[in-house]
Amino acid sequence: MTMTVESQGNLAVVVLTGRLDSTNAADTEAKIVSQIEAGRPRIVVDASQLEYLSSAGLRVFLVVAKRVKAAGGALALHSLTDHVREVFEISGFINVLTVCANREDALGRV
């Protein structure tokens, strides 16, 4: 998996590509949390290129959501692929986290 970050002020847009699973979840979590610690508690995750999400990947989003809330920020995900949306729906995360149709909507929610 690859991750790119576009940061601007107190906002970070994280673009995830590939598979988010137990092999890379801890590293991905650490990189996103480092954005929060660097003063960017508003996080938008672009999941348009995220092909696969495991339970370890779900945990990343829970940890990040808790960290942004504690820092007074917000988390929004957008453009979930069919597989990732299905995982979010089955797990109930679709009702817990902010999931938007596109980047513009996500930026408006954080």
PDB file of N, CA and C in Angstrom:
ATOM      1  N   MET A   1       0.823  -1.171   0.000  1.00  0.00           N
ATOM      2  CA  MET A   1       0.000   0.000   0.000  1.00  0.00           C
ATOM      3  C   MET A   1       0.875   1.244   0.000  1.00  0.00           C
ATOM      4  N   THR A   2       0.371   2.277  -0.635  1.00  0.00           N
ATOM      5  CA  THR A   2       1.063   3.560  -0.583  1.00  0.00           C
ATOM      6  C   THR A   2       0.126   4.596   0.023  1.00  0.00           C
ATOM      7  N   MET A   3       0.740   5.578   0.634  1.00  0.00           N
ATOM      8  CA  MET A   3      -0.008   6.658   1.261  1.00  0.00           C
ATOM      9  C   MET A   3       0.673   7.965   0.919  1.00  0.00           C
ATOM     10  N   THR A   4      -0.105   8.918   0.439  1.00  0.00           N
ATOM     11  CA  THR A   4       0.424  10.252   0.218  1.00  0.00           C
ATOM     12  C   THR A   4      -0.386  11.216   1.074  1.00  0.00           C
ATOM     13  N   VAL A   5       0.260  12.291   1.490  1.00  0.00           N
ATOM     14  CA  VAL A   5      -0.392  13.275   2.349  1.00  0.00           C
ATOM     15  C   VAL A   5      -0.219  14.650   1.728  1.00  0.00           C
ATOM     16  N   GLU A   6      -1.340  15.339   1.603  1.00  0.00           N
ATOM     17  CA  GLU A   6      -1.333  16.733   1.181  1.00  0.00           C
ATOM     18  C   GLU A   6      -1.734  17.530   2.418  1.00  0.00           C
ATOM     19  N   SER A   7      -0.834  18.352   2.936  1.00  0.00           N
ATOM     20  CA  SER A   7      -1.169  19.101   4.143  1.00  0.00           C
ATOM     21  C   SER A   7      -1.270  20.585   3.842  1.00  0.00           C
ATOM     22  N   GLN A   8      -2.199  21.211   4.556  1.00  0.00           N
ATOM     23  CA  GLN A   8      -2.437  22.630   4.366  1.00  0.00           C
ATOM     24  C   GLN A   8      -3.001  23.179   5.668  1.00  0.00           C
ATOM     25  N   GLY A   9      -2.242  23.989   6.346  1.00  0.00           N
ATOM     26  CA  GLY A   9      -2.688  24.518   7.625  1.00  0.00           C
ATOM     27  C   GLY A   9      -2.928  23.395   8.623  1.00  0.00           C
ATOM     28  N   ASN A  10      -4.150  23.341   9.186  1.00  0.00           N
ATOM     29  CA  ASN A  10      -4.461  22.297  10.160  1.00  0.00           C
ATOM     30  C   ASN A  10      -5.224  21.129   9.538  1.00  0.00           C
ATOM     31  N   LEU A  11      -5.110  20.999   8.217  1.00  0.00           N
ATOM     32  CA  LEU A  11      -5.791  19.948   7.460  1.00  0.00           C
ATOM     33  C   LEU A  11      -4.783  19.051   6.755  1.00  0.00           C
ATOM     34  N   ALA A  12      -5.046  17.750   6.789  1.00  0.00           N
ATOM     35  CA  ALA A  12      -4.249  16.793   6.022  1.00  0.00           C
ATOM     36  C   ALA A  12      -5.202  15.940   5.200  1.00  0.00           C
ATOM     37  N   VAL A  13      -4.937  15.852   3.898  1.00  0.00           N
ATOM     38  CA  VAL A  13      -5.680  14.960   3.022  1.00  0.00           C
ATOM     39  C   VAL A  13      -4.782  13.758   2.777  1.00  0.00           C
ATOM     40  N   VAL A  14      -5.254  12.588   3.207  1.00  0.00           N
ATOM     41  CA  VAL A  14      -4.491  11.346   3.114  1.00  0.00           C
ATOM     42  C   VAL A  14      -5.086  10.508   1.992  1.00  0.00           C
ATOM     43  N   VAL A  15      -4.255  10.151   1.021  1.00  0.00           N
ATOM     44  CA  VAL A  15      -4.696   9.332  -0.098  1.00  0.00           C
ATOM     45  C   VAL A  15      -4.107   7.938   0.082  1.00  0.00           C
ATOM     46  N   LEU A  16      -4.983   6.939   0.220  1.00  0.00           N
ATOM     47  CA  LEU A  16      -4.556   5.554   0.410  1.00  0.00           C
ATOM     48  C   LEU A  16      -4.747   4.781  -0.889  1.00  0.00           C
ATOM     49  N   THR A  17      -3.724   4.031  -1.271  1.00  0.00           N
ATOM     50  CA  THR A  17      -3.774   3.246  -2.497  1.00  0.00           C
ATOM     51  C   THR A  17      -3.358   1.812  -2.195  1.00  0.00           C
ATOM     52  N   GLY A  18      -4.150   0.850  -2.659  1.00  0.00           N
ATOM     53  CA  GLY A  18      -3.799  -0.562  -2.480  1.00  0.00           C
ATOM     54  C   GLY A  18      -4.582  -1.222  -1.371  1.00  0.00           C
ATOM     55  N   ARG A  19      -3.871  -1.987  -0.542  1.00  0.00           N
ATOM     56  CA  ARG A  19      -4.479  -2.790   0.519  1.00  0.00           C
ATOM     57  C   ARG A  19      -4.066  -2.281   1.890  1.00  0.00           C
ATOM     58  N   LEU A  20      -5.053  -2.083   2.764  1.00  0.00           N
ATOM     59  CA  LEU A  20      -4.776  -1.706   4.148  1.00  0.00           C
ATOM     60  C   LEU A  20      -5.126  -2.908   5.005  1.00  0.00           C
ATOM     61  N   ASP A  21      -4.074  -3.584   5.470  1.00  0.00           N
ATOM     62  CA  ASP A  21      -4.273  -4.823   6.230  1.00  0.00           C
ATOM     63  C   ASP A  21      -3.232  -4.918   7.338  1.00  0.00           C
ATOM     64  N   SER A  22      -3.129  -6.075   7.957  1.00  0.00           N
ATOM     65  CA  SER A  22      -2.249  -6.235   9.116  1.00  0.00           C
ATOM     66  C   SER A  22      -0.774  -6.011   8.787  1.00  0.00           C
ATOM     67  N   THR A  23      -0.398  -6.133   7.533  1.00  0.00           N
ATOM     68  CA  THR A  23       1.013  -5.942   7.183  1.00  0.00           C
ATOM     69  C   THR A  23       1.431  -4.475   7.198  1.00  0.00           C
ATOM     70  N   ASN A  24       0.474  -3.567   7.049  1.00  0.00           N
ATOM     71  CA  ASN A  24       0.846  -2.155   6.983  1.00  0.00           C
ATOM     72  C   ASN A  24      -0.020  -1.237   7.851  1.00  0.00           C
ATOM     73  N   ALA A  25      -0.954  -1.809   8.607  1.00  0.00           N
ATOM     74  CA  ALA A  25      -1.875  -0.990   9.410  1.00  0.00           C
ATOM     75  C   ALA A  25      -1.145  -0.146  10.453  1.00  0.00           C
ATOM     76  N   ALA A  26      -0.210  -0.735  11.178  1.00  0.00           N
ATOM     77  CA  ALA A  26       0.492   0.006  12.236  1.00  0.00           C
ATOM     78  C   ALA A  26       1.268   1.184  11.661  1.00  0.00           C
ATOM     79  N   ASP A  27       1.928   0.983  10.538  1.00  0.00           N
ATOM     80  CA  ASP A  27       2.696   2.057   9.909  1.00  0.00           C
ATOM     81  C   ASP A  27       1.763   3.156   9.398  1.00  0.00           C
ATOM     82  N   THR A  28       0.654   2.748   8.791  1.00  0.00           N
ATOM     83  CA  THR A  28      -0.320   3.715   8.282  1.00  0.00           C
ATOM     84  C   THR A  28      -0.900   4.538   9.429  1.00  0.00           C
ATOM     85  N   GLU A  29      -1.268   3.861  10.502  1.00  0.00           N
ATOM     86  CA  GLU A  29      -1.794   4.545  11.684  1.00  0.00           C
ATOM     87  C   GLU A  29      -0.790   5.557  12.215  1.00  0.00           C
ATOM     88  N   ALA A  30       0.451   5.142  12.344  1.00  0.00           N
ATOM     89  CA  ALA A  30       1.495   6.032  12.871  1.00  0.00           C
ATOM     90  C   ALA A  30       1.672   7.261  11.987  1.00  0.00           C
ATOM     91  N   LYS A  31       1.629   7.078  10.694  1.00  0.00           N
ATOM     92  CA  LYS A  31       1.809   8.210   9.779  1.00  0.00           C
ATOM     93  C   LYS A  31       0.641   9.191   9.858  1.00  0.00           C
ATOM     94  N   ILE A  32      -0.576   8.672   9.988  1.00  0.00           N
ATOM     95  CA  ILE A  32      -1.725   9.570  10.097  1.00  0.00           C
ATOM     96  C   ILE A  32      -1.720  10.271  11.447  1.00  0.00           C
ATOM     97  N   VAL A  33      -1.430   9.533  12.507  1.00  0.00           N
ATOM     98  CA  VAL A  33      -1.366  10.128  13.844  1.00  0.00           C
ATOM     99  C   VAL A  33      -0.284  11.205  13.888  1.00  0.00           C
ATOM    100  N   SER A  34       0.804  11.016  13.167  1.00  0.00           N
ATOM    101  CA  SER A  34       1.861  12.035  13.155  1.00  0.00           C
ATOM    102  C   SER A  34       1.352  13.343  12.547  1.00  0.00           C
ATOM    103  N   GLN A  35       0.396  13.267  11.628  1.00  0.00           N
ATOM    104  CA  GLN A  35      -0.203  14.480  11.082  1.00  0.00           C
ATOM    105  C   GLN A  35      -0.973  15.233  12.168  1.00  0.00           C
ATOM    106  N   ILE A  36      -1.711  14.475  12.979  1.00  0.00           N
ATOM    107  CA  ILE A  36      -2.478  15.078  14.080  1.00  0.00           C
ATOM    108  C   ILE A  36      -1.524  15.725  15.075  1.00  0.00           C
ATOM    109  N   GLU A  37      -0.472  15.003  15.427  1.00  0.00           N
ATOM    110  CA  GLU A  37       0.517  15.517  16.384  1.00  0.00           C
ATOM    111  C   GLU A  37       1.266  16.727  15.848  1.00  0.00           C
ATOM    112  N   ALA A  38       1.318  16.850  14.521  1.00  0.00           N
ATOM    113  CA  ALA A  38       1.997  17.993  13.910  1.00  0.00           C
ATOM    114  C   ALA A  38       1.060  19.194  13.769  1.00  0.00           C
ATOM    115  N   GLY A  39      -0.126  19.106  14.376  1.00  0.00           N
ATOM    116  CA  GLY A  39      -1.041  20.238  14.360  1.00  0.00           C
ATOM    117  C   GLY A  39      -2.058  20.220  13.243  1.00  0.00           C
ATOM    118  N   ARG A  40      -2.289  19.045  12.679  1.00  0.00           N
ATOM    119  CA  ARG A  40      -3.288  18.910  11.623  1.00  0.00           C
ATOM    120  C   ARG A  40      -4.370  17.916  12.068  1.00  0.00           C
ATOM    121  N   PRO A  41      -5.281  18.348  12.973  1.00  0.00           N
ATOM    122  CA  PRO A  41      -6.297  17.437  13.487  1.00  0.00           C
ATOM    123  C   PRO A  41      -7.513  17.274  12.570  1.00  0.00           C
ATOM    124  N   ARG A  42      -7.523  17.986  11.467  1.00  0.00           N
ATOM    125  CA  ARG A  42      -8.588  17.805  10.475  1.00  0.00           C
ATOM    126  C   ARG A  42      -8.046  16.865   9.401  1.00  0.00           C
ATOM    127  N   ILE A  43      -8.616  15.655   9.336  1.00  0.00           N
ATOM    128  CA  ILE A  43      -8.108  14.620   8.436  1.00  0.00           C
ATOM    129  C   ILE A  43      -9.195  14.220   7.440  1.00  0.00           C
ATOM    130  N   VAL A  44      -8.861  14.265   6.170  1.00  0.00           N
ATOM    131  CA  VAL A  44      -9.729  13.753   5.105  1.00  0.00           C
ATOM    132  C   VAL A  44      -8.990  12.583   4.470  1.00  0.00           C
ATOM    133  N   VAL A  45      -9.668  11.444   4.387  1.00  0.00           N
ATOM    134  CA  VAL A  45      -9.064  10.254   3.782  1.00  0.00           C
ATOM    135  C   VAL A  45      -9.731   9.997   2.437  1.00  0.00           C
ATOM    136  N   ASP A  46      -8.919  10.009   1.388  1.00  0.00           N
ATOM    137  CA  ASP A  46      -9.368   9.672   0.039  1.00  0.00           C
ATOM    138  C   ASP A  46      -9.185   8.167  -0.128  1.00  0.00           C
ATOM    139  N   ALA A  47     -10.304   7.438  -0.164  1.00  0.00           N
ATOM    140  CA  ALA A  47     -10.259   5.970  -0.270  1.00  0.00           C
ATOM    141  C   ALA A  47     -10.610   5.486  -1.671  1.00  0.00           C
ATOM    142  N   SER A  48     -10.532   6.365  -2.652  1.00  0.00           N
ATOM    143  CA  SER A  48     -10.933   6.005  -4.013  1.00  0.00           C
ATOM    144  C   SER A  48     -10.033   4.950  -4.639  1.00  0.00           C
ATOM    145  N   GLN A  49      -8.822   4.801  -4.097  1.00  0.00           N
ATOM    146  CA  GLN A  49      -7.889   3.813  -4.642  1.00  0.00           C
ATOM    147  C   GLN A  49      -7.549   2.720  -3.630  1.00  0.00           C
ATOM    148  N   LEU A  50      -8.333   2.658  -2.554  1.00  0.00           N
ATOM    149  CA  LEU A  50      -8.131   1.631  -1.531  1.00  0.00           C
ATOM    150  C   LEU A  50      -8.884   0.382  -1.970  1.00  0.00           C
ATOM    151  N   GLU A  51      -8.134  -0.649  -2.341  1.00  0.00           N
ATOM    152  CA  GLU A  51      -8.714  -1.857  -2.927  1.00  0.00           C
ATOM    153  C   GLU A  51      -9.224  -2.858  -1.893  1.00  0.00           C
ATOM    154  N   TYR A  52      -8.609  -2.847  -0.722  1.00  0.00           N
ATOM    155  CA  TYR A  52      -8.930  -3.867   0.286  1.00  0.00           C
ATOM    156  C   TYR A  52      -8.746  -3.277   1.668  1.00  0.00           C
ATOM    157  N   LEU A  53      -9.621  -3.670   2.590  1.00  0.00           N
ATOM    158  CA  LEU A  53      -9.552  -3.199   3.964  1.00  0.00           C
ATOM    159  C   LEU A  53      -9.853  -4.368   4.894  1.00  0.00           C
ATOM    160  N   SER A  54      -8.922  -4.683   5.778  1.00  0.00           N
ATOM    161  CA  SER A  54      -9.114  -5.766   6.752  1.00  0.00           C
ATOM    162  C   SER A  54      -9.572  -5.180   8.081  1.00  0.00           C
ATOM    163  N   SER A  55      -9.784  -6.051   9.057  1.00  0.00           N
ATOM    164  CA  SER A  55     -10.157  -5.584  10.393  1.00  0.00           C
ATOM    165  C   SER A  55      -9.041  -4.731  10.998  1.00  0.00           C
ATOM    166  N   ALA A  56      -7.802  -5.038  10.675  1.00  0.00           N
ATOM    167  CA  ALA A  56      -6.682  -4.212  11.152  1.00  0.00           C
ATOM    168  C   ALA A  56      -6.770  -2.813  10.546  1.00  0.00           C
ATOM    169  N   GLY A  57      -7.214  -2.746   9.314  1.00  0.00           N
ATOM    170  CA  GLY A  57      -7.407  -1.447   8.668  1.00  0.00           C
ATOM    171  C   GLY A  57      -8.542  -0.671   9.297  1.00  0.00           C
ATOM    172  N   LEU A  58      -9.616  -1.359   9.666  1.00  0.00           N
ATOM    173  CA  LEU A  58     -10.721  -0.702  10.358  1.00  0.00           C
ATOM    174  C   LEU A  58     -10.248  -0.079  11.662  1.00  0.00           C
ATOM    175  N   ARG A  59      -9.389  -0.803  12.361  1.00  0.00           N
ATOM    176  CA  ARG A  59      -8.854  -0.308  13.627  1.00  0.00           C
ATOM    177  C   ARG A  59      -8.102   1.003  13.423  1.00  0.00           C
ATOM    178  N   VAL A  60      -7.398   1.134  12.308  1.00  0.00           N
ATOM    179  CA  VAL A  60      -6.674   2.375  12.016  1.00  0.00           C
ATOM    180  C   VAL A  60      -7.650   3.553  12.050  1.00  0.00           C
ATOM    181  N   PHE A  61      -8.795   3.386  11.410  1.00  0.00           N
ATOM    182  CA  PHE A  61      -9.758   4.485  11.352  1.00  0.00           C
ATOM    183  C   PHE A  61     -10.362   4.782  12.718  1.00  0.00           C
ATOM    184  N   LEU A  62     -10.567   3.762  13.541  1.00  0.00           N
ATOM    185  CA  LEU A  62     -11.072   3.999  14.897  1.00  0.00           C
ATOM    186  C   LEU A  62     -10.073   4.785  15.733  1.00  0.00           C
ATOM    187  N   VAL A  63      -8.814   4.367  15.684  1.00  0.00           N
ATOM    188  CA  VAL A  63      -7.765   5.061  16.445  1.00  0.00           C
ATOM    189  C   VAL A  63      -7.646   6.513  15.981  1.00  0.00           C
ATOM    190  N   VAL A  64      -7.614   6.710  14.671  1.00  0.00           N
ATOM    191  CA  VAL A  64      -7.489   8.067  14.131  1.00  0.00           C
ATOM    192  C   VAL A  64      -8.696   8.913  14.536  1.00  0.00           C
ATOM    193  N   ALA A  65      -9.895   8.337  14.467  1.00  0.00           N
ATOM    194  CA  ALA A  65     -11.104   9.085  14.850  1.00  0.00           C
ATOM    195  C   ALA A  65     -11.022   9.530  16.306  1.00  0.00           C
ATOM    196  N   LYS A  66     -10.559   8.654  17.185  1.00  0.00           N
ATOM    197  CA  LYS A  66     -10.419   9.018  18.595  1.00  0.00           C
ATOM    198  C   LYS A  66      -9.374  10.107  18.783  1.00  0.00           C
ATOM    199  N   ARG A  67      -8.274   9.994  18.067  1.00  0.00           N
ATOM    200  CA  ARG A  67      -7.189  10.979  18.199  1.00  0.00           C
ATOM    201  C   ARG A  67      -7.619  12.355  17.678  1.00  0.00           C
ATOM    202  N   VAL A  68      -8.322  12.402  16.542  1.00  0.00           N
ATOM    203  CA  VAL A  68      -8.742  13.705  16.018  1.00  0.00           C
ATOM    204  C   VAL A  68      -9.777  14.343  16.947  1.00  0.00           C
ATOM    205  N   LYS A  69     -10.649  13.533  17.509  1.00  0.00           N
ATOM    206  CA  LYS A  69     -11.650  14.060  18.435  1.00  0.00           C
ATOM    207  C   LYS A  69     -10.965  14.656  19.660  1.00  0.00           C
ATOM    208  N   ALA A  70      -9.984  13.941  20.208  1.00  0.00           N
ATOM    209  CA  ALA A  70      -9.253  14.427  21.376  1.00  0.00           C
ATOM    210  C   ALA A  70      -8.497  15.718  21.068  1.00  0.00           C
ATOM    211  N   ALA A  71      -8.096  15.885  19.811  1.00  0.00           N
ATOM    212  CA  ALA A  71      -7.345  17.076  19.408  1.00  0.00           C
ATOM    213  C   ALA A  71      -8.268  18.203  18.932  1.00  0.00           C
ATOM    214  N   GLY A  72      -9.578  17.984  19.019  1.00  0.00           N
ATOM    215  CA  GLY A  72     -10.525  19.008  18.598  1.00  0.00           C
ATOM    216  C   GLY A  72     -10.717  19.092  17.101  1.00  0.00           C
ATOM    217  N   GLY A  73     -10.367  18.029  16.406  1.00  0.00           N
ATOM    218  CA  GLY A  73     -10.487  18.017  14.952  1.00  0.00           C
ATOM    219  C   GLY A  73     -11.633  17.143  14.482  1.00  0.00           C
ATOM    220  N   ALA A  74     -11.515  16.662  13.259  1.00  0.00           N
ATOM    221  CA  ALA A  74     -12.547  15.815  12.671  1.00  0.00           C
ATOM    222  C   ALA A  74     -11.923  14.927  11.604  1.00  0.00           C
ATOM    223  N   LEU A  75     -12.603  13.819  11.349  1.00  0.00           N
ATOM    224  CA  LEU A  75     -12.170  12.853  10.337  1.00  0.00           C
ATOM    225  C   LEU A  75     -13.319  12.624   9.373  1.00  0.00           C
ATOM    226  N   ALA A  76     -13.019  12.644   8.083  1.00  0.00           N
ATOM    227  CA  ALA A  76     -14.009  12.290   7.064  1.00  0.00           C
ATOM    228  C   ALA A  76     -13.321  11.462   5.990  1.00  0.00           C
ATOM    229  N   LEU A  77     -14.007  10.426   5.535  1.00  0.00           N
ATOM    230  CA  LEU A  77     -13.513   9.591   4.452  1.00  0.00           C
ATOM    231  C   LEU A  77     -14.398   9.834   3.238  1.00  0.00           C
ATOM    232  N   HIS A  78     -13.823   9.655   2.060  1.00  0.00           N
ATOM    233  CA  HIS A  78     -14.649   9.827   0.869  1.00  0.00           C
ATOM    234  C   HIS A  78     -14.248   8.859  -0.230  1.00  0.00           C
ATOM    235  N   SER A  79     -15.173   8.691  -1.157  1.00  0.00           N
ATOM    236  CA  SER A  79     -14.965   7.896  -2.369  1.00  0.00           C
ATOM    237  C   SER A  79     -14.587   6.446  -2.073  1.00  0.00           C
ATOM    238  N   LEU A  80     -15.310   5.818  -1.140  1.00  0.00           N
ATOM    239  CA  LEU A  80     -15.033   4.424  -0.800  1.00  0.00           C
ATOM    240  C   LEU A  80     -15.303   3.518  -1.998  1.00  0.00           C
ATOM    241  N   THR A  81     -14.377   2.600  -2.259  1.00  0.00           N
ATOM    242  CA  THR A  81     -14.596   1.611  -3.304  1.00  0.00           C
ATOM    243  C   THR A  81     -15.689   0.646  -2.834  1.00  0.00           C
ATOM    244  N   ASP A  82     -16.215  -0.134  -3.750  1.00  0.00           N
ATOM    245  CA  ASP A  82     -17.308  -1.051  -3.410  1.00  0.00           C
ATOM    246  C   ASP A  82     -16.925  -1.993  -2.274  1.00  0.00           C
ATOM    247  N   HIS A  83     -15.717  -2.584  -2.353  1.00  0.00           N
ATOM    248  CA  HIS A  83     -15.291  -3.530  -1.316  1.00  0.00           C
ATOM    249  C   HIS A  83     -15.174  -2.835   0.038  1.00  0.00           C
ATOM    250  N   VAL A  84     -14.547  -1.690   0.057  1.00  0.00           N
ATOM    251  CA  VAL A  84     -14.338  -0.979   1.316  1.00  0.00           C
ATOM    252  C   VAL A  84     -15.686  -0.528   1.883  1.00  0.00           C
ATOM    253  N   ARG A  85     -16.576  -0.060   1.046  1.00  0.00           N
ATOM    254  CA  ARG A  85     -17.913   0.333   1.510  1.00  0.00           C
ATOM    255  C   ARG A  85     -18.630  -0.862   2.130  1.00  0.00           C
ATOM    256  N   GLU A  86     -18.509  -2.021   1.508  1.00  0.00           N
ATOM    257  CA  GLU A  86     -19.144  -3.227   2.043  1.00  0.00           C
ATOM    258  C   GLU A  86     -18.587  -3.567   3.429  1.00  0.00           C
ATOM    259  N   VAL A  87     -17.277  -3.464   3.604  1.00  0.00           N
ATOM    260  CA  VAL A  87     -16.655  -3.724   4.904  1.00  0.00           C
ATOM    261  C   VAL A  87     -17.168  -2.718   5.930  1.00  0.00           C
ATOM    262  N   PHE A  88     -17.276  -1.458   5.540  1.00  0.00           N
ATOM    263  CA  PHE A  88     -17.795  -0.432   6.445  1.00  0.00           C
ATOM    264  C   PHE A  88     -19.246  -0.713   6.820  1.00  0.00           C
ATOM    265  N   GLU A  89     -20.039  -1.159   5.859  1.00  0.00           N
ATOM    266  CA  GLU A  89     -21.447  -1.443   6.139  1.00  0.00           C
ATOM    267  C   GLU A  89     -21.605  -2.657   7.048  1.00  0.00           C
ATOM    268  N   ILE A  90     -20.895  -3.728   6.757  1.00  0.00           N
ATOM    269  CA  ILE A  90     -20.994  -4.951   7.555  1.00  0.00           C
ATOM    270  C   ILE A  90     -20.543  -4.706   8.998  1.00  0.00           C
ATOM    271  N   SER A  91     -19.480  -3.927   9.154  1.00  0.00           N
ATOM    272  CA  SER A  91     -18.926  -3.662  10.488  1.00  0.00           C
ATOM    273  C   SER A  91     -19.711  -2.600  11.258  1.00  0.00           C
ATOM    274  N   GLY A  92     -20.562  -1.854  10.570  1.00  0.00           N
ATOM    275  CA  GLY A  92     -21.298  -0.774  11.204  1.00  0.00           C
ATOM    276  C   GLY A  92     -20.542   0.545  11.231  1.00  0.00           C
ATOM    277  N   PHE A  93     -19.319   0.565  10.724  1.00  0.00           N
ATOM    278  CA  PHE A  93     -18.514   1.784  10.714  1.00  0.00           C
ATOM    279  C   PHE A  93     -19.144   2.874   9.857  1.00  0.00           C
ATOM    280  N   ILE A  94     -19.954   2.484   8.894  1.00  0.00           N
ATOM    281  CA  ILE A  94     -20.597   3.452   8.004  1.00  0.00           C
ATOM    282  C   ILE A  94     -21.483   4.406   8.815  1.00  0.00           C
ATOM    283  N   ASN A  95     -21.968   3.919   9.968  1.00  0.00           N
ATOM    284  CA  ASN A  95     -22.829   4.730  10.835  1.00  0.00           C
ATOM    285  C   ASN A  95     -22.061   5.453  11.932  1.00  0.00           C
ATOM    286  N   VAL A  96     -20.806   5.103  12.120  1.00  0.00           N
ATOM    287  CA  VAL A  96     -19.996   5.669  13.202  1.00  0.00           C
ATOM    288  C   VAL A  96     -19.063   6.767  12.695  1.00  0.00           C
ATOM    289  N   LEU A  97     -18.496   6.569  11.524  1.00  0.00           N
ATOM    290  CA  LEU A  97     -17.548   7.522  10.956  1.00  0.00           C
ATOM    291  C   LEU A  97     -18.232   8.369   9.883  1.00  0.00           C
ATOM    292  N   THR A  98     -17.665   9.508   9.588  1.00  0.00           N
ATOM    293  CA  THR A  98     -18.200  10.379   8.542  1.00  0.00           C
ATOM    294  C   THR A  98     -17.689   9.887   7.194  1.00  0.00           C
ATOM    295  N   VAL A  99     -18.625   9.431   6.361  1.00  0.00           N
ATOM    296  CA  VAL A  99     -18.290   8.920   5.032  1.00  0.00           C
ATOM    297  C   VAL A  99     -19.025   9.779   4.009  1.00  0.00           C
ATOM    298  N   CYS A 100     -18.271  10.340   3.082  1.00  0.00           N
ATOM    299  CA  CYS A 100     -18.821  11.263   2.090  1.00  0.00           C
ATOM    300  C   CYS A 100     -18.640  10.704   0.678  1.00  0.00           C
ATOM    301  N   ALA A 101     -19.399  11.260  -0.235  1.00  0.00           N
ATOM    302  CA  ALA A 101     -19.345  10.800  -1.625  1.00  0.00           C
ATOM    303  C   ALA A 101     -18.083  11.267  -2.344  1.00  0.00           C
ATOM    304  N   ASN A 102     -17.617  12.481  -2.022  1.00  0.00           N
ATOM    305  CA  ASN A 102     -16.471  13.020  -2.753  1.00  0.00           C
ATOM    306  C   ASN A 102     -15.633  13.930  -1.854  1.00  0.00           C
ATOM    307  N   ARG A 103     -14.529  14.385  -2.393  1.00  0.00           N
ATOM    308  CA  ARG A 103     -13.589  15.206  -1.621  1.00  0.00           C
ATOM    309  C   ARG A 103     -14.213  16.515  -1.166  1.00  0.00           C
ATOM    310  N   GLU A 104     -14.950  17.146  -2.039  1.00  0.00           N
ATOM    311  CA  GLU A 104     -15.578  18.424  -1.684  1.00  0.00           C
ATOM    312  C   GLU A 104     -16.489  18.275  -0.461  1.00  0.00           C
ATOM    313  N   ASP A 105     -17.313  17.234  -0.466  1.00  0.00           N
ATOM    314  CA  ASP A 105     -18.192  16.988   0.683  1.00  0.00           C
ATOM    315  C   ASP A 105     -17.389  16.704   1.948  1.00  0.00           C
ATOM    316  N   ALA A 106     -16.340  15.902   1.814  1.00  0.00           N
ATOM    317  CA  ALA A 106     -15.507  15.560   2.967  1.00  0.00           C
ATOM    318  C   ALA A 106     -14.821  16.801   3.541  1.00  0.00           C
ATOM    319  N   LEU A 107     -14.315  17.650   2.678  1.00  0.00           N
ATOM    320  CA  LEU A 107     -13.670  18.873   3.145  1.00  0.00           C
ATOM    321  C   LEU A 107     -14.662  19.769   3.886  1.00  0.00           C
ATOM    322  N   GLY A 108     -15.909  19.745   3.474  1.00  0.00           N
ATOM    323  CA  GLY A 108     -16.932  20.523   4.139  1.00  0.00           C
ATOM    324  C   GLY A 108     -17.331  19.980   5.497  1.00  0.00           C
ATOM    325  N   ARG A 109     -17.009  18.733   5.755  1.00  0.00           N
ATOM    326  CA  ARG A 109     -17.403  18.090   7.017  1.00  0.00           C
ATOM    327  C   ARG A 109     -16.306  18.150   8.091  1.00  0.00           C
ATOM    328  N   VAL A 110     -15.098  18.515   7.708  1.00  0.00           N
ATOM    329  CA  VAL A 110     -14.019  18.612   8.690  1.00  0.00           C
ATOM    330  C   VAL A 110     -13.706  20.059   8.957  1.00  0.00           C
TER     331      VAL A 110
END
